[in-house]
């Protein structure tokens, strides 16, 4: 599913984020920037050790924060490591919105034109997928309505079930504007 927001395209796809052709991909990271399992593990495996070495040099960031490294052997040029909240730690909705927004802001420094997001915090961090879709989509849509160099934002969902949740939420967000295309 694809919609136009401002001067940008917002697209939902099902697949492996490490295979996306966008300039940047987002890693659902932990504060210590250690590439463990899930999305981070796939990025580590396919991207090679250079990404973890750069993360080690950075050290860590705060929950809701984001940092950028190169992408090693991946198709993307950059990996943006966004630290989403663990369910139960408090203020989770704001922390997820901030992780999303801070990732978007990092694209502006290098005039990155395209970025792919996973469903941040919905794996081992236990964040509910519906709440994730609501927060991340509304944050991205609001951002794209402003001044940005981003031309395309992709949400790359690994499972069909997650894709459907994001698709339903995106349809609610855009309402009956009639600008969605499959």
Protein backbone atom coordinates (compact mmCIF):
# COMPACT_ATOMS: atom_id res chain seq x y z
CA UNK A 1 0.00 0.00 0.00
CA UNK A 2 1.26 3.45 -0.90
CA UNK A 3 -0.01 6.97 -0.14
CA UNK A 4 1.24 10.47 -0.84
CA UNK A 5 1.82 12.67 2.22
CA UNK A 6 2.96 16.20 1.50
CA UNK A 7 5.65 15.82 -1.16
CA UNK A 8 6.62 12.34 0.00
CA UNK A 9 5.50 8.76 -0.49
CA UNK A 10 4.59 6.58 2.50
CA UNK A 11 4.63 2.89 1.65
CA UNK A 12 3.89 -0.35 3.48
CA UNK A 13 5.64 -3.52 2.35
CA UNK A 14 5.97 -7.02 3.72
CA UNK A 15 9.48 -8.41 3.79
CA UNK A 16 13.00 -8.33 5.18
CA UNK A 17 14.21 -4.83 6.06
CA UNK A 18 17.80 -5.79 5.25
CA UNK A 19 16.74 -6.22 1.60
CA UNK A 20 15.19 -2.76 1.25
CA UNK A 21 16.56 -0.42 -1.43
CA UNK A 22 16.14 2.72 0.67
CA UNK A 23 19.19 4.85 1.54
CA UNK A 24 18.68 4.16 5.25
CA UNK A 25 17.10 1.38 7.25
CA UNK A 26 16.13 1.59 10.90
CA UNK A 27 17.34 -0.93 13.42
CA UNK A 28 15.11 -1.55 16.43
CA UNK A 29 17.99 -1.16 18.88
CA UNK A 30 18.71 -1.41 22.57
CA UNK A 31 20.33 1.44 24.56
CA UNK A 32 23.75 -0.23 24.45
CA UNK A 33 23.58 -0.48 20.63
CA UNK A 34 24.38 -4.19 20.75
CA UNK A 35 23.16 -5.99 17.63
CA UNK A 36 21.50 -9.02 19.23
CA UNK A 37 18.42 -10.82 17.88
CA UNK A 38 15.43 -9.92 15.73
CA UNK A 39 15.90 -7.02 13.30
CA UNK A 40 19.29 -6.17 14.87
CA UNK A 41 20.50 -9.75 14.45
CA UNK A 42 19.53 -9.78 10.78
CA UNK A 43 21.33 -6.47 10.27
CA UNK A 44 24.44 -7.81 12.02
CA UNK A 45 24.43 -11.05 10.00
CA UNK A 46 23.90 -9.47 6.59
CA UNK A 47 25.68 -6.18 7.19
CA UNK A 48 28.87 -7.59 8.67
CA UNK A 49 30.96 -6.62 11.73
CA UNK A 50 31.60 -3.01 10.67
CA UNK A 51 28.15 -1.90 11.90
CA UNK A 52 28.71 -3.28 15.41
CA UNK A 53 32.20 -1.73 15.49
CA UNK A 54 30.68 1.69 14.75
CA UNK A 55 28.00 1.13 17.40
CA UNK A 56 30.72 0.24 19.92
CA UNK A 57 32.50 3.53 19.16
CA UNK A 58 29.26 5.47 19.75
CA UNK A 59 28.63 3.57 22.98
CA UNK A 60 24.95 4.00 23.76
CA UNK A 61 21.98 6.31 23.48
CA UNK A 62 18.80 6.99 25.43
CA UNK A 63 15.39 5.32 25.05
CA UNK A 64 13.63 7.38 22.39
CA UNK A 65 16.94 8.35 20.81
CA UNK A 66 18.54 7.37 17.52
CA UNK A 67 22.09 7.25 16.17
CA UNK A 68 23.42 6.60 12.66
CA UNK A 69 26.13 4.29 11.33
CA UNK A 70 27.12 3.14 7.88
CA UNK A 71 25.42 -0.03 6.62
CA UNK A 72 28.34 -2.35 5.97
CA UNK A 73 27.40 -4.94 3.33
CA UNK A 74 23.69 -4.04 3.23
CA UNK A 75 21.97 -2.45 0.22
CA UNK A 76 21.29 0.64 2.32
CA UNK A 77 23.94 3.32 2.85
CA UNK A 78 23.08 3.95 6.51
CA UNK A 79 21.59 2.17 9.51
CA UNK A 80 19.73 4.35 11.98
CA UNK A 81 19.64 2.65 15.38
CA UNK A 82 16.43 3.73 17.13
CA UNK A 83 15.91 2.78 20.76
CA UNK A 84 12.28 2.01 21.44
CA UNK A 85 10.74 1.35 24.85
CA UNK A 86 10.31 -1.91 26.70
CA UNK A 87 6.70 -2.49 27.71
CA UNK A 88 6.23 -1.65 31.37
CA UNK A 89 9.07 0.88 31.72
CA UNK A 90 6.70 3.87 31.65
CA UNK A 91 5.92 6.61 29.13
CA UNK A 92 6.24 4.05 26.33
CA UNK A 93 4.07 5.90 23.80
CA UNK A 94 6.16 9.09 23.97
CA UNK A 95 9.41 7.13 23.86
CA UNK A 96 8.30 5.27 20.70
CA UNK A 97 7.16 8.52 19.06
CA UNK A 98 10.54 10.09 19.94
CA UNK A 99 12.51 7.11 18.55
CA UNK A 100 10.56 7.47 15.31
CA UNK A 101 10.91 11.26 15.14
CA UNK A 102 14.62 11.21 16.03
CA UNK A 103 15.21 8.66 13.26
CA UNK A 104 13.47 10.93 10.77
CA UNK A 105 15.49 13.94 11.92
CA UNK A 106 18.77 12.06 11.34
CA UNK A 107 17.90 11.75 7.64
CA UNK A 108 18.05 15.51 7.20
CA UNK A 109 21.76 15.82 8.11
CA UNK A 110 22.90 13.82 5.09
CA UNK A 111 19.88 14.66 2.93
CA UNK A 112 18.79 11.03 2.92
CA UNK A 113 15.89 10.69 0.50
CA UNK A 114 14.45 7.33 1.62
CA UNK A 115 14.18 5.33 4.84
CA UNK A 116 12.67 1.99 5.91
CA UNK A 117 11.30 1.36 9.40
CA UNK A 118 10.46 -1.92 11.15
CA UNK A 119 7.73 -2.10 13.80
CA UNK A 120 9.98 -0.79 16.60
CA UNK A 121 9.72 -2.42 20.06
CA UNK A 122 7.17 -5.07 19.02
CA UNK A 123 9.60 -8.01 19.30
CA UNK A 124 11.26 -8.90 22.59
CA UNK A 125 10.44 -5.44 24.00
CA UNK A 126 6.76 -6.52 24.02
CA UNK A 127 5.12 -3.37 22.60
CA UNK A 128 1.62 -4.06 21.21
CA UNK A 129 1.61 -3.99 17.40
CA UNK A 130 -1.60 -1.92 17.10
CA UNK A 131 -0.29 0.80 19.41
CA UNK A 132 3.01 0.73 17.53
CA UNK A 133 1.23 1.24 14.20
CA UNK A 134 -0.85 4.13 15.58
CA UNK A 135 2.15 5.93 17.07
CA UNK A 136 4.69 5.36 14.32
CA UNK A 137 2.32 6.11 11.43
CA UNK A 138 0.92 9.28 12.99
CA UNK A 139 4.47 10.48 13.82
CA UNK A 140 5.69 9.85 10.27
CA UNK A 141 2.61 11.41 8.65
CA UNK A 142 2.90 14.56 10.78
CA UNK A 143 6.60 14.79 9.96
CA UNK A 144 6.05 14.39 6.22
CA UNK A 145 3.47 17.18 6.24
CA UNK A 146 6.27 19.58 7.23
CA UNK A 147 9.43 20.63 5.43
CA UNK A 148 11.61 17.57 4.73
CA UNK A 149 14.06 16.28 2.16
CA UNK A 150 12.61 12.78 2.53
CA UNK A 151 10.97 11.53 -0.63
CA UNK A 152 9.97 8.08 0.61
CA UNK A 153 9.29 6.41 3.95
CA UNK A 154 8.71 2.66 3.97
CA UNK A 155 7.36 0.52 6.78
CA UNK A 156 8.77 -2.94 6.17
CA UNK A 157 6.75 -5.47 8.14
CA UNK A 158 8.10 -8.98 8.51
CA UNK A 159 4.81 -10.86 8.96
CA UNK A 160 1.54 -10.70 7.08
CA UNK A 161 -0.31 -10.11 10.37
CA UNK A 162 1.86 -7.07 11.18
CA UNK A 163 1.42 -5.75 7.64
CA UNK A 164 -2.38 -5.99 7.98
CA UNK A 165 -2.34 -4.08 11.28
CA UNK A 166 -0.29 -1.26 9.72
CA UNK A 167 -2.48 -1.29 6.62
CA UNK A 168 -5.67 -0.93 8.68
CA UNK A 169 -4.14 1.89 10.70
CA UNK A 170 -2.86 3.72 7.61
CA UNK A 171 -6.35 3.55 6.09
CA UNK A 172 -7.73 5.09 9.30
CA UNK A 173 -5.06 7.81 9.23
CA UNK A 174 -5.71 8.85 5.65
CA UNK A 175 -9.47 8.47 5.96
CA UNK A 176 -11.37 8.82 2.74
CA UNK A 177 -8.87 11.07 0.99
CA UNK A 178 -8.80 8.64 -1.91
CA UNK A 179 -5.04 8.91 -2.40
CA UNK A 180 -4.09 5.35 -1.51
CA UNK A 181 -2.86 3.02 -4.20
CA UNK A 182 -1.99 -0.65 -4.03
